[in-house]
C-alpha atoms as a PDB file:
ATOM      1  CA  UNK A   1      -4.983   0.222 -31.133  1.00  0.00           C
ATOM      2  CA  UNK A   2      -8.471   0.447 -29.591  1.00  0.00           C
ATOM      3  CA  UNK A   3     -10.088  -0.012 -33.017  1.00  0.00           C
ATOM      4  CA  UNK A   4      -8.019  -3.123 -33.697  1.00  0.00           C
ATOM      5  CA  UNK A   5      -8.816  -4.532 -30.257  1.00  0.00           C
ATOM      6  CA  UNK A   6     -12.529  -4.040 -30.906  1.00  0.00           C
ATOM      7  CA  UNK A   7     -12.170  -5.658 -34.320  1.00  0.00           C
ATOM      8  CA  UNK A   8     -10.292  -8.598 -32.789  1.00  0.00           C
ATOM      9  CA  UNK A   9     -12.924  -8.988 -30.100  1.00  0.00           C
ATOM     10  CA  UNK A  10     -15.688  -8.993 -32.701  1.00  0.00           C
ATOM     11  CA  UNK A  11     -13.757 -11.425 -34.889  1.00  0.00           C
ATOM     12  CA  UNK A  12     -13.154 -13.944 -32.117  1.00  0.00           C
ATOM     13  CA  UNK A  13     -16.813 -13.692 -31.100  1.00  0.00           C
ATOM     14  CA  UNK A  14     -17.870 -14.489 -34.660  1.00  0.00           C
ATOM     15  CA  UNK A  15     -15.296 -17.308 -34.743  1.00  0.00           C
ATOM     16  CA  UNK A  16     -16.713 -18.698 -31.487  1.00  0.00           C
ATOM     17  CA  UNK A  17     -20.228 -18.767 -32.964  1.00  0.00           C
ATOM     18  CA  UNK A  18     -18.910 -20.304 -36.199  1.00  0.00           C
ATOM     19  CA  UNK A  19     -17.056 -23.037 -34.291  1.00  0.00           C
ATOM     20  CA  UNK A  20     -20.161 -23.706 -32.180  1.00  0.00           C
ATOM     21  CA  UNK A  21     -22.173 -24.241 -35.357  1.00  0.00           C
ATOM     22  CA  UNK A  22     -19.465 -26.583 -36.691  1.00  0.00           C
ATOM     23  CA  UNK A  23     -19.506 -28.607 -33.484  1.00  0.00           C
ATOM     24  CA  UNK A  24     -23.289 -28.978 -33.701  1.00  0.00           C
ATOM     25  CA  UNK A  25     -23.011 -30.105 -37.316  1.00  0.00           C
ATOM     26  CA  UNK A  26     -19.966 -32.372 -36.902  1.00  0.00           C
ATOM     27  CA  UNK A  27     -20.273 -33.520 -33.304  1.00  0.00           C
ATOM     28  CA  UNK A  28     -18.904 -36.950 -34.200  1.00  0.00           C
ATOM     29  CA  UNK A  29     -15.582 -35.576 -35.488  1.00  0.00           C
ATOM     30  CA  UNK A  30     -12.499 -34.107 -33.797  1.00  0.00           C
ATOM     31  CA  UNK A  31     -13.090 -30.604 -35.238  1.00  0.00           C
ATOM     32  CA  UNK A  32     -14.830 -29.344 -32.122  1.00  0.00           C
ATOM     33  CA  UNK A  33     -12.004 -30.593 -29.895  1.00  0.00           C
ATOM     34  CA  UNK A  34      -9.378 -28.334 -31.467  1.00  0.00           C
ATOM     35  CA  UNK A  35      -8.215 -25.221 -29.614  1.00  0.00           C
ATOM     36  CA  UNK A  36      -8.369 -22.075 -31.742  1.00  0.00           C
ATOM     37  CA  UNK A  37      -6.201 -19.120 -30.688  1.00  0.00           C
ATOM     38  CA  UNK A  38      -6.034 -15.672 -32.261  1.00  0.00           C
ATOM     39  CA  UNK A  39      -2.436 -14.442 -32.272  1.00  0.00           C
ATOM     40  CA  UNK A  40      -1.709 -10.711 -32.530  1.00  0.00           C
ATOM     41  CA  UNK A  41       1.920  -9.901 -33.279  1.00  0.00           C
ATOM     42  CA  UNK A  42       1.975  -6.932 -30.940  1.00  0.00           C
ATOM     43  CA  UNK A  43       2.602  -6.359 -27.253  1.00  0.00           C
ATOM     44  CA  UNK A  44       0.029  -4.487 -25.174  1.00  0.00           C
ATOM     45  CA  UNK A  45       2.919  -2.859 -23.272  1.00  0.00           C
ATOM     46  CA  UNK A  46       4.056   0.476 -24.692  1.00  0.00           C
ATOM     47  CA  UNK A  47       7.591   0.440 -26.176  1.00  0.00           C
ATOM     48  CA  UNK A  48       7.651  -3.371 -26.214  1.00  0.00           C
ATOM     49  CA  UNK A  49       7.555  -5.811 -29.083  1.00  0.00           C
ATOM     50  CA  UNK A  50       5.833  -9.119 -28.625  1.00  0.00           C
ATOM     51  CA  UNK A  51       2.579 -11.047 -28.933  1.00  0.00           C
ATOM     52  CA  UNK A  52      -0.920 -10.996 -27.503  1.00  0.00           C
ATOM     53  CA  UNK A  53      -2.979 -14.198 -27.735  1.00  0.00           C
ATOM     54  CA  UNK A  54      -6.736 -14.607 -27.278  1.00  0.00           C
ATOM     55  CA  UNK A  55      -8.890 -17.713 -27.052  1.00  0.00           C
ATOM     56  CA  UNK A  56     -12.076 -18.201 -29.073  1.00  0.00           C
ATOM     57  CA  UNK A  57     -14.072 -16.359 -26.375  1.00  0.00           C
ATOM     58  CA  UNK A  58     -11.920 -13.239 -26.638  1.00  0.00           C
ATOM     59  CA  UNK A  59     -10.068 -13.860 -23.356  1.00  0.00           C
ATOM     60  CA  UNK A  60      -6.368 -13.092 -23.046  1.00  0.00           C
ATOM     61  CA  UNK A  61      -4.484 -16.378 -22.575  1.00  0.00           C
ATOM     62  CA  UNK A  62      -0.830 -15.688 -23.480  1.00  0.00           C
ATOM     63  CA  UNK A  63       1.422 -12.655 -23.849  1.00  0.00           C
ATOM     64  CA  UNK A  64       4.999 -11.863 -24.795  1.00  0.00           C
ATOM     65  CA  UNK A  65       6.702  -8.546 -24.049  1.00  0.00           C
ATOM     66  CA  UNK A  66      10.177  -8.038 -25.529  1.00  0.00           C
ATOM     67  CA  UNK A  67      12.111  -4.799 -25.240  1.00  0.00           C
ATOM     68  CA  UNK A  68      14.303  -5.687 -28.242  1.00  0.00           C
ATOM     69  CA  UNK A  69      13.310  -7.173 -31.591  1.00  0.00           C
ATOM     70  CA  UNK A  70      15.550 -10.272 -31.672  1.00  0.00           C
ATOM     71  CA  UNK A  71      16.440 -11.180 -28.079  1.00  0.00           C
ATOM     72  CA  UNK A  72      18.535 -14.161 -27.043  1.00  0.00           C
ATOM     73  CA  UNK A  73      15.815 -15.183 -24.611  1.00  0.00           C
ATOM     74  CA  UNK A  74      12.047 -15.145 -25.096  1.00  0.00           C
ATOM     75  CA  UNK A  75       9.496 -15.809 -22.356  1.00  0.00           C
ATOM     76  CA  UNK A  76       5.931 -16.893 -23.003  1.00  0.00           C
ATOM     77  CA  UNK A  77       3.638 -15.742 -20.180  1.00  0.00           C
ATOM     78  CA  UNK A  78       0.056 -16.491 -19.294  1.00  0.00           C
ATOM     79  CA  UNK A  79      -2.567 -13.759 -18.864  1.00  0.00           C
ATOM     80  CA  UNK A  80      -1.388 -13.098 -15.278  1.00  0.00           C
ATOM     81  CA  UNK A  81       2.258 -12.669 -16.274  1.00  0.00           C
ATOM     82  CA  UNK A  82       3.468 -16.065 -15.037  1.00  0.00           C
ATOM     83  CA  UNK A  83       6.178 -17.743 -17.139  1.00  0.00           C
ATOM     84  CA  UNK A  84       4.886 -20.673 -19.183  1.00  0.00           C
ATOM     85  CA  UNK A  85       7.973 -21.340 -21.317  1.00  0.00           C
ATOM     86  CA  UNK A  86      11.430 -19.817 -21.538  1.00  0.00           C
ATOM     87  CA  UNK A  87      13.297 -20.135 -24.822  1.00  0.00           C
ATOM     88  CA  UNK A  88      17.013 -19.368 -25.074  1.00  0.00           C
ATOM     89  CA  UNK A  89      18.991 -18.990 -28.279  1.00  0.00           C
ATOM     90  CA  UNK A  90      21.963 -21.314 -28.721  1.00  0.00           C
ATOM     91  CA  UNK A  91      24.240 -20.628 -31.663  1.00  0.00           C
ATOM     92  CA  UNK A  92      26.289 -23.509 -33.057  1.00  0.00           C
ATOM     93  CA  UNK A  93      28.614 -23.875 -36.045  1.00  0.00           C
ATOM     94  CA  UNK A  94      29.754 -20.248 -35.857  1.00  0.00           C
ATOM     95  CA  UNK A  95      26.183 -19.053 -35.651  1.00  0.00           C
ATOM     96  CA  UNK A  96      25.124 -20.568 -38.955  1.00  0.00           C
ATOM     97  CA  UNK A  97      22.434 -22.749 -37.393  1.00  0.00           C
ATOM     98  CA  UNK A  98      19.675 -21.075 -35.397  1.00  0.00           C
ATOM     99  CA  UNK A  99      18.937 -23.345 -32.439  1.00  0.00           C
ATOM    100  CA  UNK A 100      16.813 -22.713 -29.339  1.00  0.00           C
ATOM    101  CA  UNK A 101      16.642 -24.468 -25.982  1.00  0.00           C
ATOM    102  CA  UNK A 102      13.164 -24.628 -24.453  1.00  0.00           C
ATOM    103  CA  UNK A 103      12.520 -24.736 -20.700  1.00  0.00           C
ATOM    104  CA  UNK A 104       9.248 -25.104 -18.856  1.00  0.00           C
ATOM    105  CA  UNK A 105       8.361 -22.133 -16.691  1.00  0.00           C
ATOM    106  CA  UNK A 106      10.952 -19.548 -15.721  1.00  0.00           C
ATOM    107  CA  UNK A 107      14.635 -20.040 -16.497  1.00  0.00           C
ATOM    108  CA  UNK A 108      17.699 -17.856 -16.527  1.00  0.00           C
ATOM    109  CA  UNK A 109      19.371 -15.550 -14.023  1.00  0.00           C
ATOM    110  CA  UNK A 110      16.141 -14.815 -12.158  1.00  0.00           C
ATOM    111  CA  UNK A 111      15.348 -18.501 -11.632  1.00  0.00           C
ATOM    112  CA  UNK A 112      16.507 -19.976  -8.305  1.00  0.00           C
ATOM    113  CA  UNK A 113      16.650 -23.569  -9.545  1.00  0.00           C
ATOM    114  CA  UNK A 114      18.605 -25.193 -12.351  1.00  0.00           C
ATOM    115  CA  UNK A 115      16.238 -26.184 -15.122  1.00  0.00           C
ATOM    116  CA  UNK A 116      16.498 -29.195 -17.395  1.00  0.00           C
ATOM    117  CA  UNK A 117      15.611 -28.345 -21.008  1.00  0.00           C
ATOM    118  CA  UNK A 118      12.350 -29.854 -22.217  1.00  0.00           C
ATOM    119  CA  UNK A 119      13.383 -29.819 -25.887  1.00  0.00           C
ATOM    120  CA  UNK A 120      15.514 -28.208 -28.604  1.00  0.00           C
ATOM    121  CA  UNK A 121      14.190 -26.460 -31.722  1.00  0.00           C
ATOM    122  CA  UNK A 122      16.467 -26.104 -34.730  1.00  0.00           C
ATOM    123  CA  UNK A 123      16.031 -24.194 -37.960  1.00  0.00           C
ATOM    124  CA  UNK A 124      16.553 -26.355 -41.037  1.00  0.00           C
ATOM    125  CA  UNK A 125      19.293 -24.995 -43.282  1.00  0.00           C
ATOM    126  CA  UNK A 126      20.153 -27.930 -45.558  1.00  0.00           C
ATOM    127  CA  UNK A 127      18.457 -27.146 -48.890  1.00  0.00           C
ATOM    128  CA  UNK A 128      19.318 -30.651 -50.160  1.00  0.00           C
ATOM    129  CA  UNK A 129      17.146 -32.316 -47.533  1.00  0.00           C
ATOM    130  CA  UNK A 130      14.687 -34.910 -48.815  1.00  0.00           C
ATOM    131  CA  UNK A 131      11.743 -32.832 -47.617  1.00  0.00           C
ATOM    132  CA  UNK A 132      12.274 -29.210 -48.706  1.00  0.00           C
ATOM    133  CA  UNK A 133       8.978 -28.073 -47.141  1.00  0.00           C
ATOM    134  CA  UNK A 134      10.366 -28.593 -43.614  1.00  0.00           C
ATOM    135  CA  UNK A 135      11.561 -25.349 -42.020  1.00  0.00           C
ATOM    136  CA  UNK A 136      12.367 -26.485 -38.456  1.00  0.00           C
ATOM    137  CA  UNK A 137      12.703 -29.556 -36.265  1.00  0.00           C
ATOM    138  CA  UNK A 138      11.893 -30.174 -32.605  1.00  0.00           C
ATOM    139  CA  UNK A 139      14.094 -32.634 -30.668  1.00  0.00           C
ATOM    140  CA  UNK A 140      13.493 -34.004 -27.180  1.00  0.00           C
ATOM    141  CA  UNK A 141      17.245 -34.231 -26.516  1.00  0.00           C
ATOM    142  CA  UNK A 142      20.143 -32.301 -28.019  1.00  0.00           C
ATOM    143  CA  UNK A 143      21.828 -35.569 -29.002  1.00  0.00           C
ATOM    144  CA  UNK A 144      18.771 -37.041 -30.727  1.00  0.00           C
ATOM    145  CA  UNK A 145      19.170 -37.822 -34.394  1.00  0.00           C
ATOM    146  CA  UNK A 146      15.455 -38.319 -34.954  1.00  0.00           C
ATOM    147  CA  UNK A 147      13.116 -35.402 -34.465  1.00  0.00           C
ATOM    148  CA  UNK A 148       9.985 -35.423 -32.313  1.00  0.00           C
ATOM    149  CA  UNK A 149       8.153 -32.883 -34.487  1.00  0.00           C
ATOM    150  CA  UNK A 150       8.712 -31.334 -37.903  1.00  0.00           C
ATOM    151  CA  UNK A 151       7.381 -27.926 -38.916  1.00  0.00           C
ATOM    152  CA  UNK A 152       6.458 -27.481 -42.566  1.00  0.00           C
ATOM    153  CA  UNK A 153       5.298 -24.558 -44.667  1.00  0.00           C
ATOM    154  CA  UNK A 154       6.033 -20.837 -44.665  1.00  0.00           C
ATOM    155  CA  UNK A 155       5.909 -18.712 -41.549  1.00  0.00           C
ATOM    156  CA  UNK A 156       6.198 -15.482 -43.543  1.00  0.00           C
ATOM    157  CA  UNK A 157       2.915 -16.423 -45.243  1.00  0.00           C
ATOM    158  CA  UNK A 158       1.442 -17.627 -41.920  1.00  0.00           C
ATOM    159  CA  UNK A 159       0.875 -21.107 -43.319  1.00  0.00           C
ATOM    160  CA  UNK A 160       2.571 -23.829 -41.270  1.00  0.00           C
ATOM    161  CA  UNK A 161       1.871 -27.335 -40.035  1.00  0.00           C
ATOM    162  CA  UNK A 162       3.416 -29.124 -37.069  1.00  0.00           C
ATOM    163  CA  UNK A 163       3.645 -32.903 -37.582  1.00  0.00           C
ATOM    164  CA  UNK A 164       4.745 -35.600 -35.172  1.00  0.00           C
ATOM    165  CA  UNK A 165       6.939 -38.604 -36.069  1.00  0.00           C
ATOM    166  CA  UNK A 166       3.972 -40.488 -37.496  1.00  0.00           C
ATOM    167  CA  UNK A 167       3.119 -37.490 -39.736  1.00  0.00           C
ATOM    168  CA  UNK A 168       0.038 -36.728 -37.658  1.00  0.00           C
ATOM    169  CA  UNK A 169      -1.002 -33.076 -37.692  1.00  0.00           C
ATOM    170  CA  UNK A 170      -0.840 -31.597 -34.185  1.00  0.00           C
ATOM    171  CA  UNK A 171      -0.962 -27.830 -34.814  1.00  0.00           C
ATOM    172  CA  UNK A 172      -1.448 -25.331 -37.650  1.00  0.00           C
ATOM    173  CA  UNK A 173      -0.749 -21.667 -38.322  1.00  0.00           C
ATOM    174  CA  UNK A 174      -3.271 -20.033 -40.642  1.00  0.00           C
ATOM    175  CA  UNK A 175      -4.125 -16.608 -41.952  1.00  0.00           C
ATOM    176  CA  UNK A 176      -6.909 -14.919 -40.021  1.00  0.00           C
ATOM    177  CA  UNK A 177     -10.028 -14.201 -42.046  1.00  0.00           C
ATOM    178  CA  UNK A 178     -13.134 -12.643 -40.567  1.00  0.00           C
ATOM    179  CA  UNK A 179     -16.489 -14.227 -41.315  1.00  0.00           C
ATOM    180  CA  UNK A 180     -18.282 -10.890 -41.811  1.00  0.00           C
ATOM    181  CA  UNK A 181     -17.361  -7.225 -42.032  1.00  0.00           C
ATOM    182  CA  UNK A 182     -14.630  -7.457 -44.663  1.00  0.00           C
ATOM    183  CA  UNK A 183     -11.841  -6.736 -42.170  1.00  0.00           C
ATOM    184  CA  UNK A 184      -8.346  -7.742 -43.267  1.00  0.00           C
ATOM    185  CA  UNK A 185      -5.714  -8.227 -40.562  1.00  0.00           C
ATOM    186  CA  UNK A 186      -2.808  -9.026 -42.896  1.00  0.00           C
ATOM    187  CA  UNK A 187      -0.042 -11.162 -41.384  1.00  0.00           C
ATOM    188  CA  UNK A 188       0.081  -9.420 -37.993  1.00  0.00           C
ATOM    189  CA  UNK A 189      -3.026 -11.251 -36.780  1.00  0.00           C
ATOM    190  CA  UNK A 190      -3.354 -14.960 -37.485  1.00  0.00           C
ATOM    191  CA  UNK A 191      -4.782 -18.212 -36.137  1.00  0.00           C
ATOM    192  CA  UNK A 192      -3.094 -20.991 -34.211  1.00  0.00           C
ATOM    193  CA  UNK A 193      -5.127 -24.199 -34.356  1.00  0.00           C
ATOM    194  CA  UNK A 194      -4.055 -26.815 -31.798  1.00  0.00           C
ATOM    195  CA  UNK A 195      -5.305 -30.350 -32.273  1.00  0.00           C
ATOM    196  CA  UNK A 196      -6.415 -32.646 -29.416  1.00  0.00           C
ATOM    197  CA  UNK A 197      -3.596 -33.959 -27.230  1.00  0.00           C
ATOM    198  CA  UNK A 198      -1.094 -31.218 -28.101  1.00  0.00           C
ATOM    199  CA  UNK A 199      -0.248 -28.512 -25.559  1.00  0.00           C
ATOM    200  CA  UNK A 200      -1.461 -25.038 -26.693  1.00  0.00           C
ATOM    201  CA  UNK A 201       1.296 -23.341 -24.677  1.00  0.00           C
ATOM    202  CA  UNK A 202       3.988 -25.389 -26.382  1.00  0.00           C
ATOM    203  CA  UNK A 203       2.373 -24.714 -29.775  1.00  0.00           C
ATOM    204  CA  UNK A 204       2.521 -20.986 -29.050  1.00  0.00           C
ATOM    205  CA  UNK A 205       6.149 -21.376 -28.033  1.00  0.00           C
ATOM    206  CA  UNK A 206       6.881 -22.825 -31.475  1.00  0.00           C
ATOM    207  CA  UNK A 207       5.203 -19.797 -33.039  1.00  0.00           C
ATOM    208  CA  UNK A 208       7.539 -17.505 -31.113  1.00  0.00           C
ATOM    209  CA  UNK A 209      10.609 -19.418 -32.274  1.00  0.00           C
ATOM    210  CA  UNK A 210       9.450 -19.404 -35.899  1.00  0.00           C
ATOM    211  CA  UNK A 211       9.044 -15.647 -35.611  1.00  0.00           C
ATOM    212  CA  UNK A 212      12.604 -15.313 -34.324  1.00  0.00           C
ATOM    213  CA  UNK A 213      13.957 -17.560 -37.070  1.00  0.00           C
ATOM    214  CA  UNK A 214      12.075 -16.207 -40.066  1.00  0.00           C
ATOM    215  CA  UNK A 215      11.082 -12.595 -39.354  1.00  0.00           C
END
């Protein structure tokens, strides 16, 4: 684990320098305004499964620690362990459709207040849909017929795009490739690129739900 942590630290440092060079070269574009996160599909807590997320400076920004592989509730925490998002599985149609309710902050039996869901995320199962590349939809209300965001691509290949209603790209999942050193991280370490105006915490929450749906 220590070797991989050192490799990740070196990789994000190289990525930081690379992004700095891009900003200097393309300072009139939106490239430099994107948030780049390195996502490691592993918890730093022994005997837990989860995620560890670093920013482009190598700082820990998000973490997930699950004691079971496919829980009915997933909590995204910040570096200090505070709840950012709580996501609860909701099975409908005899469990054939994987649907998740998303709450801001802490929710559930340990929360003293009743939370209103911020959105619903549903796995797409209709293979006859007009856009077969879509794998999940995000709705602001459970009763909404029109989605707020559509997720396209393949999570298993770590190649996904999150698009809003106007088809504008707001976030991307990409394979992680080091600039030097020839280190290959496979699919356990990947990039989450968040475009300007989209919440990085919410983008990471979508990553967690894709992992529950497609892993």
